[in-house]
Amino acid sequence: MSAAGKSLTRLFRLRKMRGEANRHQEDLLASLFAMAWMVEARDPYTGGHLWRVSRFSHLLAFEAGLDETDAARVAIGGFLHDLGKIGVPDAILKKPDRLTGEEYAVIRTHPDVGWRLLSGHPLARLAEAAVRAHHERPDGMGYPRGLVGHKVPMEARIVGICDAFDAMTSTRPYRRGMPMDRALSIIEDHLGRQFDRDLGLRFIGLGTAGALDYIVGHSDEGIPLHECVMCGPTLVLKRGQRPGDHIYCRQCGGEYVAEQRNGKLATAATGRKGTPEDLEPDVDAELIARVVYESARALPRIP
């Protein structure tokens, strides 16, 4: 069985161990989250992006006054918003420099592709707005439908801000991630045009208060991204990993070993490359099981 297959088996085993009554709903959520994770795994420079956008979105939803159920729905949308990138060729998704106009046009198809992928799923309604409209803008200059103002659903406006902020503060092959204060300043400069004014101000308030610090640059709570000596912060450690475990850069294939330094887990290059099996996408079953459990608790039961 492949690494991904083993991870999915473990994910559903962990879900069953919860003993929750609504196992059907948890299974449905887990299937969506695992699919989104595998889509993200195609791009080594987005390690942790889905978790970060989901956490940012949950915080902003509460800050905007949404109740626990609606905040959970927004967080789910944040985790699933990029599903449609499954339809973007690797040559574009992994391109090491800026995209051409034609390549960007392909990227712009991912909201509609994501919605078509999601539309037949029993829980599609939970994430429809975030998947379809997270690139819409208040000024109508967004895509794919050019929605204006409050015709952009609130959950999409929330996820759009959080997605853009994470993109700005994350490293790409052609640039390092920018400091948080610079990214918040850019959001402020584009309020009312690219970003909803009220939600943007609330997000800036969270940032200046330090409420986003534990999320930026992390792939899970308390677990920062680690540096590949060739590619930058592309190394994703999982909760529960121990000294001696091997970690691989999904960009260059470099092998690293986890080791204890000053009471924290660190990584050191071994000088070797991972095998094709080592570099297979690997779902973080524990993280997804935890996010599924947290989300399912806040949602109404489905038949």
C-alpha atoms as a PDB file:
ATOM      1  CA  MET A   1       0.000   0.000   0.000  1.00  0.00           C
ATOM      2  CA  SER A   2       1.277   3.494  -0.846  1.00  0.00           C
ATOM      3  CA  ALA A   3       2.202   6.046   1.832  1.00  0.00           C
ATOM      4  CA  ALA A   4      -0.929   8.020   1.005  1.00  0.00           C
ATOM      5  CA  GLY A   5      -3.085   4.910   1.251  1.00  0.00           C
ATOM      6  CA  LYS A   6      -1.633   4.023   4.637  1.00  0.00           C
ATOM      7  CA  SER A   7      -2.240   7.571   5.858  1.00  0.00           C
ATOM      8  CA  LEU A   8      -5.881   7.478   4.750  1.00  0.00           C
ATOM      9  CA  THR A   9      -6.386   4.122   6.482  1.00  0.00           C
ATOM     10  CA  ARG A  10      -4.931   5.603   9.662  1.00  0.00           C
ATOM     11  CA  LEU A  11      -7.116   8.692   9.299  1.00  0.00           C
ATOM     12  CA  PHE A  12     -10.334   6.676   9.286  1.00  0.00           C
ATOM     13  CA  ARG A  13      -9.069   4.462  12.118  1.00  0.00           C
ATOM     14  CA  LEU A  14      -8.410   7.570  14.220  1.00  0.00           C
ATOM     15  CA  ARG A  15     -11.843   8.923  13.376  1.00  0.00           C
ATOM     16  CA  LYS A  16     -13.521   5.693  14.528  1.00  0.00           C
ATOM     17  CA  MET A  17     -11.621   5.797  17.808  1.00  0.00           C
ATOM     18  CA  ARG A  18     -13.425   9.048  18.661  1.00  0.00           C
ATOM     19  CA  GLY A  19     -16.586   7.109  19.441  1.00  0.00           C
ATOM     20  CA  GLU A  20     -18.728   9.957  18.114  1.00  0.00           C
ATOM     21  CA  ALA A  21     -22.361   9.255  17.256  1.00  0.00           C
ATOM     22  CA  ASN A  22     -22.288  11.109  13.960  1.00  0.00           C
ATOM     23  CA  ARG A  23     -19.602   9.014  12.289  1.00  0.00           C
ATOM     24  CA  HIS A  24     -21.160   9.440   8.857  1.00  0.00           C
ATOM     25  CA  GLN A  25     -20.644  13.214   8.922  1.00  0.00           C
ATOM     26  CA  GLU A  26     -17.088  12.843  10.184  1.00  0.00           C
ATOM     27  CA  ASP A  27     -16.302  10.362   7.396  1.00  0.00           C
ATOM     28  CA  LEU A  28     -17.649  12.799   4.816  1.00  0.00           C
ATOM     29  CA  LEU A  29     -15.576  15.668   6.215  1.00  0.00           C
ATOM     30  CA  ALA A  30     -12.485  13.495   6.445  1.00  0.00           C
ATOM     31  CA  SER A  31     -12.810  12.480   2.794  1.00  0.00           C
ATOM     32  CA  LEU A  32     -12.966  16.137   1.727  1.00  0.00           C
ATOM     33  CA  PHE A  33     -10.039  17.209   3.923  1.00  0.00           C
ATOM     34  CA  ALA A  34      -7.876  14.304   2.747  1.00  0.00           C
ATOM     35  CA  MET A  35      -8.636  15.176  -0.892  1.00  0.00           C
ATOM     36  CA  ALA A  36      -7.726  18.824  -0.268  1.00  0.00           C
ATOM     37  CA  TRP A  37      -4.504  17.748   1.462  1.00  0.00           C
ATOM     38  CA  MET A  38      -3.463  15.638  -1.533  1.00  0.00           C
ATOM     39  CA  VAL A  39      -4.102  18.582  -3.870  1.00  0.00           C
ATOM     40  CA  GLU A  40      -1.944  20.836  -1.687  1.00  0.00           C
ATOM     41  CA  ALA A  41       0.821  18.217  -1.537  1.00  0.00           C
ATOM     42  CA  ARG A  42       1.481  18.751  -5.253  1.00  0.00           C
ATOM     43  CA  ASP A  43       3.044  22.150  -4.469  1.00  0.00           C
ATOM     44  CA  PRO A  44       5.879  21.953  -1.917  1.00  0.00           C
ATOM     45  CA  TYR A  45       5.746  25.705  -1.311  1.00  0.00           C
ATOM     46  CA  THR A  46       2.233  25.578   0.114  1.00  0.00           C
ATOM     47  CA  GLY A  47       3.000  23.233   3.008  1.00  0.00           C
ATOM     48  CA  GLY A  48       0.533  24.074   5.774  1.00  0.00           C
ATOM     49  CA  HIS A  49      -1.364  26.617   3.633  1.00  0.00           C
ATOM     50  CA  LEU A  50      -4.739  24.925   4.107  1.00  0.00           C
ATOM     51  CA  TRP A  51      -4.312  24.643   7.865  1.00  0.00           C
ATOM     52  CA  ARG A  52      -3.190  28.270   8.133  1.00  0.00           C
ATOM     53  CA  VAL A  53      -6.034  29.660   6.007  1.00  0.00           C
ATOM     54  CA  SER A  54      -8.535  27.563   7.946  1.00  0.00           C
ATOM     55  CA  ARG A  55      -7.204  28.841  11.301  1.00  0.00           C
ATOM     56  CA  PHE A  56      -7.051  32.474  10.140  1.00  0.00           C
ATOM     57  CA  SER A  57     -10.592  32.165   8.799  1.00  0.00           C
ATOM     58  CA  HIS A  58     -11.918  30.688  12.039  1.00  0.00           C
ATOM     59  CA  LEU A  59     -10.394  33.526  14.053  1.00  0.00           C
ATOM     60  CA  LEU A  60     -11.732  36.199  11.718  1.00  0.00           C
ATOM     61  CA  ALA A  61     -15.196  34.627  11.645  1.00  0.00           C
ATOM     62  CA  PHE A  62     -15.427  34.824  15.436  1.00  0.00           C
ATOM     63  CA  GLU A  63     -14.034  38.366  15.392  1.00  0.00           C
ATOM     64  CA  ALA A  64     -16.787  39.294  12.919  1.00  0.00           C
ATOM     65  CA  GLY A  65     -19.459  38.004  15.314  1.00  0.00           C
ATOM     66  CA  LEU A  66     -20.320  34.674  13.698  1.00  0.00           C
ATOM     67  CA  ASP A  67     -21.533  31.937  16.023  1.00  0.00           C
ATOM     68  CA  GLU A  68     -19.722  28.625  16.563  1.00  0.00           C
ATOM     69  CA  THR A  69     -21.600  26.809  13.799  1.00  0.00           C
ATOM     70  CA  ASP A  70     -21.000  29.469  11.151  1.00  0.00           C
ATOM     71  CA  ALA A  71     -17.363  29.911  12.217  1.00  0.00           C
ATOM     72  CA  ALA A  72     -16.845  26.154  11.811  1.00  0.00           C
ATOM     73  CA  ARG A  73     -18.387  26.337   8.335  1.00  0.00           C
ATOM     74  CA  VAL A  74     -16.011  29.171   7.389  1.00  0.00           C
ATOM     75  CA  ALA A  75     -13.034  27.187   8.722  1.00  0.00           C
ATOM     76  CA  ILE A  76     -14.071  24.202   6.602  1.00  0.00           C
ATOM     77  CA  GLY A  77     -14.273  26.469   3.557  1.00  0.00           C
ATOM     78  CA  GLY A  78     -10.803  27.761   4.364  1.00  0.00           C
ATOM     79  CA  PHE A  79      -9.432  24.223   4.342  1.00  0.00           C
ATOM     80  CA  LEU A  80     -11.152  23.300   1.071  1.00  0.00           C
ATOM     81  CA  HIS A  81     -10.874  26.549  -0.896  1.00  0.00           C
ATOM     82  CA  ASP A  82      -8.120  25.366  -3.272  1.00  0.00           C
ATOM     83  CA  LEU A  83      -9.642  22.003  -4.247  1.00  0.00           C
ATOM     84  CA  GLY A  84      -9.844  23.139  -7.869  1.00  0.00           C
ATOM     85  CA  LYS A  85      -6.073  23.328  -8.204  1.00  0.00           C
ATOM     86  CA  ILE A  86      -6.245  19.616  -8.938  1.00  0.00           C
ATOM     87  CA  GLY A  87      -7.044  20.779 -12.489  1.00  0.00           C
ATOM     88  CA  VAL A  88      -3.925  22.985 -12.799  1.00  0.00           C
ATOM     89  CA  PRO A  89      -0.992  21.251 -14.557  1.00  0.00           C
ATOM     90  CA  ASP A  90       2.152  20.671 -12.488  1.00  0.00           C
ATOM     91  CA  ALA A  91       4.180  22.758 -14.939  1.00  0.00           C
ATOM     92  CA  ILE A  92       2.138  25.794 -13.889  1.00  0.00           C
ATOM     93  CA  LEU A  93       1.514  24.910 -10.244  1.00  0.00           C
ATOM     94  CA  LYS A  94       5.204  24.253  -9.588  1.00  0.00           C
ATOM     95  CA  LYS A  95       6.676  26.890 -11.883  1.00  0.00           C
ATOM     96  CA  PRO A  96       9.700  28.441 -10.139  1.00  0.00           C
ATOM     97  CA  ASP A  97       9.107  31.960 -11.500  1.00  0.00           C
ATOM     98  CA  ARG A  98       6.210  34.286 -12.097  1.00  0.00           C
ATOM     99  CA  LEU A  99       3.362  33.103 -14.313  1.00  0.00           C
ATOM    100  CA  THR A 100       2.683  34.376 -17.808  1.00  0.00           C
ATOM    101  CA  GLY A 101      -0.729  35.794 -18.695  1.00  0.00           C
ATOM    102  CA  GLU A 102      -1.779  32.497 -20.289  1.00  0.00           C
ATOM    103  CA  GLU A 103      -0.639  30.512 -17.268  1.00  0.00           C
ATOM    104  CA  TYR A 104      -2.466  32.854 -14.916  1.00  0.00           C
ATOM    105  CA  ALA A 105      -5.627  32.313 -16.982  1.00  0.00           C
ATOM    106  CA  VAL A 106      -5.320  28.599 -16.215  1.00  0.00           C
ATOM    107  CA  ILE A 107      -4.917  29.344 -12.500  1.00  0.00           C
ATOM    108  CA  ARG A 108      -8.097  31.445 -12.643  1.00  0.00           C
ATOM    109  CA  THR A 109     -10.105  28.344 -13.562  1.00  0.00           C
ATOM    110  CA  HIS A 110      -9.572  26.675 -10.179  1.00  0.00           C
ATOM    111  CA  PRO A 111     -12.617  28.105  -8.337  1.00  0.00           C
ATOM    112  CA  ASP A 112     -15.017  26.684 -10.940  1.00  0.00           C
ATOM    113  CA  VAL A 113     -13.097  23.413 -11.182  1.00  0.00           C
ATOM    114  CA  GLY A 114     -13.219  23.125  -7.393  1.00  0.00           C
ATOM    115  CA  TRP A 115     -16.948  23.695  -7.329  1.00  0.00           C
ATOM    116  CA  ARG A 116     -17.566  21.080 -10.035  1.00  0.00           C
ATOM    117  CA  LEU A 117     -15.444  18.634  -8.048  1.00  0.00           C
ATOM    118  CA  LEU A 118     -17.301  19.399  -4.834  1.00  0.00           C
ATOM    119  CA  SER A 119     -20.848  19.837  -6.145  1.00  0.00           C
ATOM    120  CA  GLY A 120     -21.940  16.203  -5.856  1.00  0.00           C
ATOM    121  CA  HIS A 121     -20.666  15.797  -2.299  1.00  0.00           C
ATOM    122  CA  PRO A 122     -23.255  15.620   0.535  1.00  0.00           C
ATOM    123  CA  LEU A 123     -21.455  18.421   2.419  1.00  0.00           C
ATOM    124  CA  ALA A 124     -20.901  20.667  -0.607  1.00  0.00           C
ATOM    125  CA  ARG A 125     -23.108  23.414   0.849  1.00  0.00           C
ATOM    126  CA  LEU A 126     -20.657  23.926   3.725  1.00  0.00           C
ATOM    127  CA  ALA A 127     -17.852  25.060   1.437  1.00  0.00           C
ATOM    128  CA  GLU A 128     -19.546  26.186  -1.781  1.00  0.00           C
ATOM    129  CA  ALA A 129     -19.107  29.921  -1.202  1.00  0.00           C
ATOM    130  CA  ALA A 130     -15.461  29.672  -0.138  1.00  0.00           C
ATOM    131  CA  VAL A 131     -14.512  27.386  -3.017  1.00  0.00           C
ATOM    132  CA  ARG A 132     -16.364  29.327  -5.722  1.00  0.00           C
ATOM    133  CA  ALA A 133     -15.852  32.917  -4.584  1.00  0.00           C
ATOM    134  CA  HIS A 134     -12.634  33.295  -2.550  1.00  0.00           C
ATOM    135  CA  HIS A 135     -11.061  35.238  -5.436  1.00  0.00           C
ATOM    136  CA  GLU A 136     -14.017  37.591  -5.901  1.00  0.00           C
ATOM    137  CA  ARG A 137     -13.466  41.233  -4.826  1.00  0.00           C
ATOM    138  CA  PRO A 138     -15.687  44.024  -3.498  1.00  0.00           C
ATOM    139  CA  ASP A 139     -14.811  46.179  -6.526  1.00  0.00           C
ATOM    140  CA  GLY A 140     -15.997  43.520  -8.981  1.00  0.00           C
ATOM    141  CA  MET A 141     -12.504  42.915 -10.393  1.00  0.00           C
ATOM    142  CA  GLY A 142     -12.236  39.395  -8.995  1.00  0.00           C
ATOM    143  CA  TYR A 143     -12.953  36.036 -10.624  1.00  0.00           C
ATOM    144  CA  PRO A 144     -14.582  33.865 -11.827  1.00  0.00           C
ATOM    145  CA  ARG A 145     -17.901  35.797 -11.876  1.00  0.00           C
ATOM    146  CA  GLY A 146     -16.931  39.396 -11.090  1.00  0.00           C
ATOM    147  CA  LEU A 147     -19.273  39.660  -8.097  1.00  0.00           C
ATOM    148  CA  VAL A 148     -19.520  43.124  -6.489  1.00  0.00           C
ATOM    149  CA  GLY A 149     -19.672  44.203  -2.848  1.00  0.00           C
ATOM    150  CA  HIS A 150     -21.892  42.128  -0.589  1.00  0.00           C
ATOM    151  CA  LYS A 151     -22.860  39.867  -3.467  1.00  0.00           C
ATOM    152  CA  VAL A 152     -19.611  38.154  -2.532  1.00  0.00           C
ATOM    153  CA  PRO A 153     -20.699  35.786   0.264  1.00  0.00           C
ATOM    154  CA  MET A 154     -19.337  36.648   3.682  1.00  0.00           C
ATOM    155  CA  GLU A 155     -17.472  33.352   4.110  1.00  0.00           C
ATOM    156  CA  ALA A 156     -15.749  33.948   0.751  1.00  0.00           C
ATOM    157  CA  ARG A 157     -14.777  37.480   1.794  1.00  0.00           C
ATOM    158  CA  ILE A 158     -13.259  36.059   4.993  1.00  0.00           C
ATOM    159  CA  VAL A 159     -11.368  33.255   3.245  1.00  0.00           C
ATOM    160  CA  GLY A 160     -10.204  35.644   0.506  1.00  0.00           C
ATOM    161  CA  ILE A 161      -8.503  37.925   3.036  1.00  0.00           C
ATOM    162  CA  CYS A 162      -6.901  34.997   4.849  1.00  0.00           C
ATOM    163  CA  ASP A 163      -5.754  33.323   1.622  1.00  0.00           C
ATOM    164  CA  ALA A 164      -4.122  36.542   0.375  1.00  0.00           C
ATOM    165  CA  PHE A 165      -2.432  37.189   3.728  1.00  0.00           C
ATOM    166  CA  ASP A 166      -0.976  33.678   3.812  1.00  0.00           C
ATOM    167  CA  ALA A 167       0.232  34.016   0.229  1.00  0.00           C
ATOM    168  CA  MET A 168       2.031  37.258   1.118  1.00  0.00           C
ATOM    169  CA  THR A 169       3.668  35.902   4.284  1.00  0.00           C
ATOM    170  CA  SER A 170       4.690  32.558   2.741  1.00  0.00           C
ATOM    171  CA  THR A 171       7.837  31.948   0.718  1.00  0.00           C
ATOM    172  CA  ARG A 172       7.597  31.157  -2.996  1.00  0.00           C
ATOM    173  CA  PRO A 173      10.424  30.027  -5.305  1.00  0.00           C
ATOM    174  CA  TYR A 174      10.870  33.587  -6.618  1.00  0.00           C
ATOM    175  CA  ARG A 175      10.575  35.496  -3.309  1.00  0.00           C
ATOM    176  CA  ARG A 176      10.732  35.174   0.456  1.00  0.00           C
ATOM    177  CA  GLY A 177       7.591  35.643   2.483  1.00  0.00           C
ATOM    178  CA  MET A 178       7.126  39.242   3.607  1.00  0.00           C
ATOM    179  CA  PRO A 179       6.908  40.372   7.263  1.00  0.00           C
ATOM    180  CA  MET A 180       3.452  40.326   8.810  1.00  0.00           C
ATOM    181  CA  ASP A 181       3.277  44.084   9.261  1.00  0.00           C
ATOM    182  CA  ARG A 182       3.998  44.631   5.569  1.00  0.00           C
ATOM    183  CA  ALA A 183       1.273  42.165   4.546  1.00  0.00           C
ATOM    184  CA  LEU A 184      -1.216  43.823   6.910  1.00  0.00           C
ATOM    185  CA  SER A 185      -0.303  47.204   5.454  1.00  0.00           C
ATOM    186  CA  ILE A 186      -1.030  45.936   1.928  1.00  0.00           C
ATOM    187  CA  ILE A 187      -4.436  44.669   3.079  1.00  0.00           C
ATOM    188  CA  GLU A 188      -5.107  48.095   4.589  1.00  0.00           C
ATOM    189  CA  ASP A 189      -4.121  49.816   1.332  1.00  0.00           C
ATOM    190  CA  HIS A 190      -6.646  47.707  -0.605  1.00  0.00           C
ATOM    191  CA  LEU A 191      -9.649  47.897   1.703  1.00  0.00           C
ATOM    192  CA  GLY A 192     -12.889  48.398  -0.188  1.00  0.00           C
ATOM    193  CA  ARG A 193     -11.304  47.278  -3.462  1.00  0.00           C
ATOM    194  CA  GLN A 194      -9.653  43.872  -3.118  1.00  0.00           C
ATOM    195  CA  PHE A 195     -10.711  43.256   0.483  1.00  0.00           C
ATOM    196  CA  ASP A 196     -13.926  43.844   2.413  1.00  0.00           C
ATOM    197  CA  ARG A 197     -13.381  46.981   4.515  1.00  0.00           C
ATOM    198  CA  ASP A 198     -14.946  45.862   7.799  1.00  0.00           C
ATOM    199  CA  LEU A 199     -13.518  42.341   7.704  1.00  0.00           C
ATOM    200  CA  GLY A 200     -10.124  43.657   6.609  1.00  0.00           C
ATOM    201  CA  LEU A 201      -9.977  46.070   9.545  1.00  0.00           C
ATOM    202  CA  ARG A 202     -10.910  43.278  11.918  1.00  0.00           C
ATOM    203  CA  PHE A 203      -8.180  41.051  10.470  1.00  0.00           C
ATOM    204  CA  ILE A 204      -5.611  43.852  10.787  1.00  0.00           C
ATOM    205  CA  GLY A 205      -6.684  44.231  14.415  1.00  0.00           C
ATOM    206  CA  LEU A 206      -6.053  40.532  15.019  1.00  0.00           C
ATOM    207  CA  GLY A 207      -2.627  40.847  13.431  1.00  0.00           C
ATOM    208  CA  THR A 208      -1.542  43.904  15.400  1.00  0.00           C
ATOM    209  CA  ALA A 209      -2.731  42.235  18.613  1.00  0.00           C
ATOM    210  CA  GLY A 210      -0.468  39.223  17.940  1.00  0.00           C
ATOM    211  CA  ALA A 211      -3.363  36.791  17.484  1.00  0.00           C
ATOM    212  CA  LEU A 212      -1.969  35.494  14.182  1.00  0.00           C
ATOM    213  CA  ASP A 213       1.601  34.907  15.339  1.00  0.00           C
ATOM    214  CA  TYR A 214       1.152  31.228  16.213  1.00  0.00           C
ATOM    215  CA  ILE A 215      -0.205  30.496  12.717  1.00  0.00           C
ATOM    216  CA  VAL A 216       2.134  32.414  10.383  1.00  0.00           C
ATOM    217  CA  GLY A 217       5.025  30.217   9.233  1.00  0.00           C
ATOM    218  CA  HIS A 218       3.563  27.083  10.826  1.00  0.00           C
ATOM    219  CA  SER A 219       2.083  23.884   9.373  1.00  0.00           C
ATOM    220  CA  ASP A 220       0.252  22.973  12.598  1.00  0.00           C
ATOM    221  CA  GLU A 221      -0.178  24.576  15.989  1.00  0.00           C
ATOM    222  CA  GLY A 222       3.232  24.839  17.630  1.00  0.00           C
ATOM    223  CA  ILE A 223       5.030  23.326  14.620  1.00  0.00           C
ATOM    224  CA  PRO A 224       6.920  25.841  12.452  1.00  0.00           C
ATOM    225  CA  LEU A 225       7.986  25.100   8.895  1.00  0.00           C
ATOM    226  CA  HIS A 226      11.647  24.100   8.694  1.00  0.00           C
ATOM    227  CA  GLU A 227      14.228  25.251   6.181  1.00  0.00           C
ATOM    228  CA  CYS A 228      15.540  23.218   3.278  1.00  0.00           C
ATOM    229  CA  VAL A 229      19.057  24.506   2.573  1.00  0.00           C
ATOM    230  CA  MET A 230      18.231  24.619  -1.146  1.00  0.00           C
ATOM    231  CA  CYS A 231      14.573  25.662  -1.235  1.00  0.00           C
ATOM    232  CA  GLY A 232      13.713  27.566   1.943  1.00  0.00           C
ATOM    233  CA  PRO A 233      10.863  26.759   4.367  1.00  0.00           C
ATOM    234  CA  THR A 234       9.420  23.657   2.679  1.00  0.00           C
ATOM    235  CA  LEU A 235       9.959  21.013   5.374  1.00  0.00           C
ATOM    236  CA  VAL A 236       6.740  19.987   7.140  1.00  0.00           C
ATOM    237  CA  LEU A 237       7.076  18.156  10.447  1.00  0.00           C
ATOM    238  CA  LYS A 238       4.127  16.271  11.901  1.00  0.00           C
ATOM    239  CA  ARG A 239       2.987  16.203  15.476  1.00  0.00           C
ATOM    240  CA  GLY A 240       4.485  13.174  17.185  1.00  0.00           C
ATOM    241  CA  GLN A 241       7.626  12.979  15.070  1.00  0.00           C
ATOM    242  CA  ARG A 242      10.728  12.049  17.030  1.00  0.00           C
ATOM    243  CA  PRO A 243      14.505  12.481  16.729  1.00  0.00           C
ATOM    244  CA  GLY A 244      15.792  10.139  14.059  1.00  0.00           C
ATOM    245  CA  ASP A 245      12.722  10.446  11.823  1.00  0.00           C
ATOM    246  CA  HIS A 246      13.391  11.391   8.218  1.00  0.00           C
ATOM    247  CA  ILE A 247      11.756  14.402   6.546  1.00  0.00           C
ATOM    248  CA  TYR A 248      11.955  15.206   2.834  1.00  0.00           C
ATOM    249  CA  CYS A 249      11.814  18.399   0.827  1.00  0.00           C
ATOM    250  CA  ARG A 250       9.065  17.867  -1.736  1.00  0.00           C
ATOM    251  CA  GLN A 251      10.719  20.426  -4.031  1.00  0.00           C
ATOM    252  CA  CYS A 252      14.290  19.164  -4.403  1.00  0.00           C
ATOM    253  CA  GLY A 253      13.951  15.727  -2.758  1.00  0.00           C
ATOM    254  CA  GLY A 254      16.594  16.472  -0.138  1.00  0.00           C
ATOM    255  CA  GLU A 255      16.581  14.212   2.925  1.00  0.00           C
ATOM    256  CA  TYR A 256      16.680  15.605   6.476  1.00  0.00           C
ATOM    257  CA  VAL A 257      16.737  13.956   9.863  1.00  0.00           C
ATOM    258  CA  ALA A 258      14.907  15.233  12.928  1.00  0.00           C
ATOM    259  CA  GLU A 259      17.072  15.922  15.964  1.00  0.00           C
ATOM    260  CA  GLN A 260      16.683  17.513  19.376  1.00  0.00           C
ATOM    261  CA  ARG A 261      18.277  20.939  19.843  1.00  0.00           C
ATOM    262  CA  ASN A 262      17.801  23.102  22.904  1.00  0.00           C
ATOM    263  CA  GLY A 263      14.673  21.213  23.839  1.00  0.00           C
ATOM    264  CA  LYS A 264      13.059  21.614  20.392  1.00  0.00           C
ATOM    265  CA  LEU A 265      12.856  19.403  17.331  1.00  0.00           C
ATOM    266  CA  ALA A 266      15.134  20.601  14.527  1.00  0.00           C
ATOM    267  CA  THR A 267      16.190  19.224  11.136  1.00  0.00           C
ATOM    268  CA  ALA A 268      19.637  18.479   9.697  1.00  0.00           C
ATOM    269  CA  ALA A 269      20.487  17.651   6.081  1.00  0.00           C
ATOM    270  CA  THR A 270      21.828  14.141   5.483  1.00  0.00           C
ATOM    271  CA  GLY A 271      23.210  14.936   2.017  1.00  0.00           C
ATOM    272  CA  ARG A 272      21.030  12.232   0.477  1.00  0.00           C
ATOM    273  CA  LYS A 273      17.953  12.328  -1.737  1.00  0.00           C
ATOM    274  CA  GLY A 274      14.662  10.639  -1.017  1.00  0.00           C
ATOM    275  CA  THR A 275      13.480   7.691  -3.082  1.00  0.00           C
ATOM    276  CA  PRO A 276      10.271   7.990  -5.140  1.00  0.00           C
ATOM    277  CA  GLU A 277       8.483   6.138  -2.345  1.00  0.00           C
ATOM    278  CA  ASP A 278       9.882   8.571   0.260  1.00  0.00           C
ATOM    279  CA  LEU A 279       8.555  11.510  -1.770  1.00  0.00           C
ATOM    280  CA  GLU A 280       4.998  10.242  -2.212  1.00  0.00           C
ATOM    281  CA  PRO A 281       2.353  12.651  -0.863  1.00  0.00           C
ATOM    282  CA  ASP A 282       1.555  11.679   2.699  1.00  0.00           C
ATOM    283  CA  VAL A 283      -1.636  12.815   4.438  1.00  0.00           C
ATOM    284  CA  ASP A 284      -1.168  14.065   8.014  1.00  0.00           C
ATOM    285  CA  ALA A 285      -3.839  11.780   9.453  1.00  0.00           C
ATOM    286  CA  GLU A 286      -3.571  13.101  13.006  1.00  0.00           C
ATOM    287  CA  LEU A 287      -4.002  16.741  11.970  1.00  0.00           C
ATOM    288  CA  ILE A 288      -6.983  15.996   9.738  1.00  0.00           C
ATOM    289  CA  ALA A 289      -8.637  13.809  12.375  1.00  0.00           C
ATOM    290  CA  ARG A 290      -8.298  16.660  14.876  1.00  0.00           C
ATOM    291  CA  VAL A 291      -9.682  19.279  12.485  1.00  0.00           C
ATOM    292  CA  VAL A 292     -12.552  16.955  11.514  1.00  0.00           C
ATOM    293  CA  TYR A 293     -13.429  16.390  15.165  1.00  0.00           C
ATOM    294  CA  GLU A 294     -13.332  20.115  15.979  1.00  0.00           C
ATOM    295  CA  SER A 295     -15.469  20.962  12.949  1.00  0.00           C
ATOM    296  CA  ALA A 296     -18.021  18.192  13.377  1.00  0.00           C
ATOM    297  CA  ARG A 297     -18.722  19.147  16.995  1.00  0.00           C
ATOM    298  CA  ALA A 298     -19.938  22.582  15.908  1.00  0.00           C
ATOM    299  CA  LEU A 299     -22.055  21.524  12.936  1.00  0.00           C
ATOM    300  CA  PRO A 300     -25.693  20.423  12.951  1.00  0.00           C
ATOM    301  CA  ARG A 301     -26.175  16.731  12.358  1.00  0.00           C
ATOM    302  CA  ILE A 302     -26.967  15.589   8.842  1.00  0.00           C
ATOM    303  CA  PRO A 303     -29.279  12.651   8.044  1.00  0.00           C
END
